[in-house]
Protein backbone atom coordinates (compact mmCIF):
# COMPACT_ATOMS: atom_id res chain seq x y z
CA MET A 1 -22.73 6.19 8.33
CA TYR A 2 -20.17 8.88 7.58
CA ARG A 3 -16.73 7.93 6.27
CA LEU A 4 -13.28 9.48 6.05
CA THR A 5 -11.00 7.98 3.41
CA ALA A 6 -7.32 8.95 3.61
CA SER A 7 -5.28 8.07 0.51
CA TYR A 8 -1.53 8.48 0.97
CA ALA A 9 0.82 9.36 -1.90
CA HIS A 10 3.91 7.31 -2.65
CA SER A 11 6.88 8.24 -0.49
CA ASP A 12 10.57 8.15 -1.37
CA ASP A 13 10.85 5.58 1.43
CA PRO A 14 7.80 3.28 1.26
CA ALA A 15 8.98 1.07 4.12
CA ALA A 16 9.31 4.08 6.44
CA LEU A 17 5.82 5.31 5.48
CA VAL A 18 4.26 1.94 6.31
CA ALA A 19 6.29 1.54 9.52
CA HIS A 20 5.29 4.96 10.83
CA TYR A 21 1.66 4.41 9.87
CA ARG A 22 1.55 0.97 11.52
CA ASP A 23 3.55 1.85 14.64
CA VAL A 24 2.36 5.42 15.33
CA HIS A 25 -0.42 6.85 13.18
CA ALA A 26 -2.78 3.87 13.25
CA LYS A 27 -2.63 3.91 17.05
CA LEU A 28 -3.60 7.59 17.01
CA GLY A 29 -6.48 6.87 14.63
CA ALA A 30 -7.77 4.12 16.87
CA LYS A 31 -8.12 6.68 19.70
CA LEU A 32 -10.49 8.97 17.78
CA PRO A 33 -13.73 9.44 19.70
CA ASN A 34 -16.75 7.44 18.58
CA VAL A 35 -15.02 5.87 15.57
CA ARG A 36 -17.08 2.79 14.64
CA SER A 37 -14.64 1.20 12.23
CA PHE A 38 -11.03 1.84 11.25
CA SER A 39 -9.12 -0.17 8.67
CA TRP A 40 -6.11 0.46 6.48
CA GLY A 41 -3.96 -1.31 3.94
CA VAL A 42 -1.02 -1.01 1.59
CA CYS A 43 -2.25 -0.61 -1.98
CA GLU A 44 -1.61 -3.14 -4.76
CA THR A 45 -2.96 -3.64 -8.26
CA PRO A 46 -4.08 -6.89 -9.91
CA ASP A 47 -1.38 -6.65 -12.59
CA GLY A 48 1.45 -5.61 -10.25
CA SER A 49 1.77 -2.09 -11.67
CA LYS A 50 2.22 0.88 -9.34
CA PRO A 51 -1.13 1.79 -7.72
CA ALA A 52 -2.41 5.36 -7.55
CA HIS A 53 -1.76 5.49 -3.79
CA ALA A 54 0.69 3.84 -1.41
CA LEU A 55 -1.73 3.29 1.47
CA VAL A 56 -5.41 3.90 2.13
CA ALA A 57 -7.21 4.19 5.47
CA VAL A 58 -10.98 4.17 6.05
CA LEU A 59 -12.66 5.42 9.22
CA ASP A 60 -16.41 5.36 9.90
CA TRP A 61 -18.63 7.26 12.32
CA ASP A 62 -22.38 7.23 12.81
CA THR A 63 -22.81 10.82 11.60
CA LYS A 64 -20.99 13.70 9.94
CA GLU A 65 -21.19 15.62 13.21
CA ALA A 66 -19.48 12.77 15.08
CA ALA A 67 -16.68 12.62 12.50
CA LEU A 68 -16.06 16.37 12.61
CA ALA A 69 -16.14 16.38 16.42
CA ALA A 70 -13.62 13.51 16.48
CA LEU A 71 -11.22 15.40 14.22
CA ASP A 72 -11.61 18.52 16.37
CA SER A 73 -10.91 16.59 19.59
CA PRO A 74 -7.44 16.45 21.21
CA ALA A 75 -6.95 12.95 19.72
CA GLY A 76 -7.98 14.22 16.28
CA LYS A 77 -5.66 17.19 16.47
CA GLU A 78 -2.80 14.89 17.49
CA ALA A 79 -3.49 12.60 14.52
CA VAL A 80 -3.65 15.52 12.08
CA ALA A 81 -0.42 16.97 13.48
CA ASP A 82 1.30 13.59 13.01
CA LEU A 83 0.78 13.76 9.23
CA GLN A 84 3.84 16.03 8.96
CA ASN A 85 5.95 13.20 10.42
CA PHE A 86 5.38 10.72 7.60
CA ALA A 87 3.05 12.01 4.86
CA GLN A 88 5.29 14.61 3.26
CA ALA A 89 4.45 13.23 -0.20
CA GLY A 90 0.80 14.12 0.44
CA VAL A 91 -2.50 12.68 1.57
CA ASP A 92 -5.96 13.11 0.07
CA LEU A 93 -8.73 13.28 2.69
CA GLU A 94 -12.26 12.69 1.48
CA PHE A 95 -15.55 12.38 3.32
CA GLN A 96 -18.51 10.36 2.14
CA GLU A 97 -22.05 9.73 3.33
CA VAL A 98 -22.05 5.94 2.98
CA ARG A 99 -25.00 4.23 1.34
CA LYS A 100 -25.02 0.43 1.50
CA GLU A 101 -26.62 -1.44 -1.36
CA VAL A 102 -25.99 -5.00 -0.15
């Protein structure tokens, strides 16, 4: 499995970041070709302190080639272009070859 993790920086307007992600960006992510799993959540910490990121999304494909093809597709290009509409504080995109231990 090949994974994309998107970690979003804290915005000046956290409610607007979450609303845009929920109402617009997540719907774009769900349209990516051959995505096997897509989940996201607002970050919290056990002690209530400010977490390193505001929101994290995780998307899985069968292979690296499938992930890269999805991002290069019209749906992928639309999702990437949408980042400018809500992620002005920044987003870290990281890929991983997933290895399950359990």
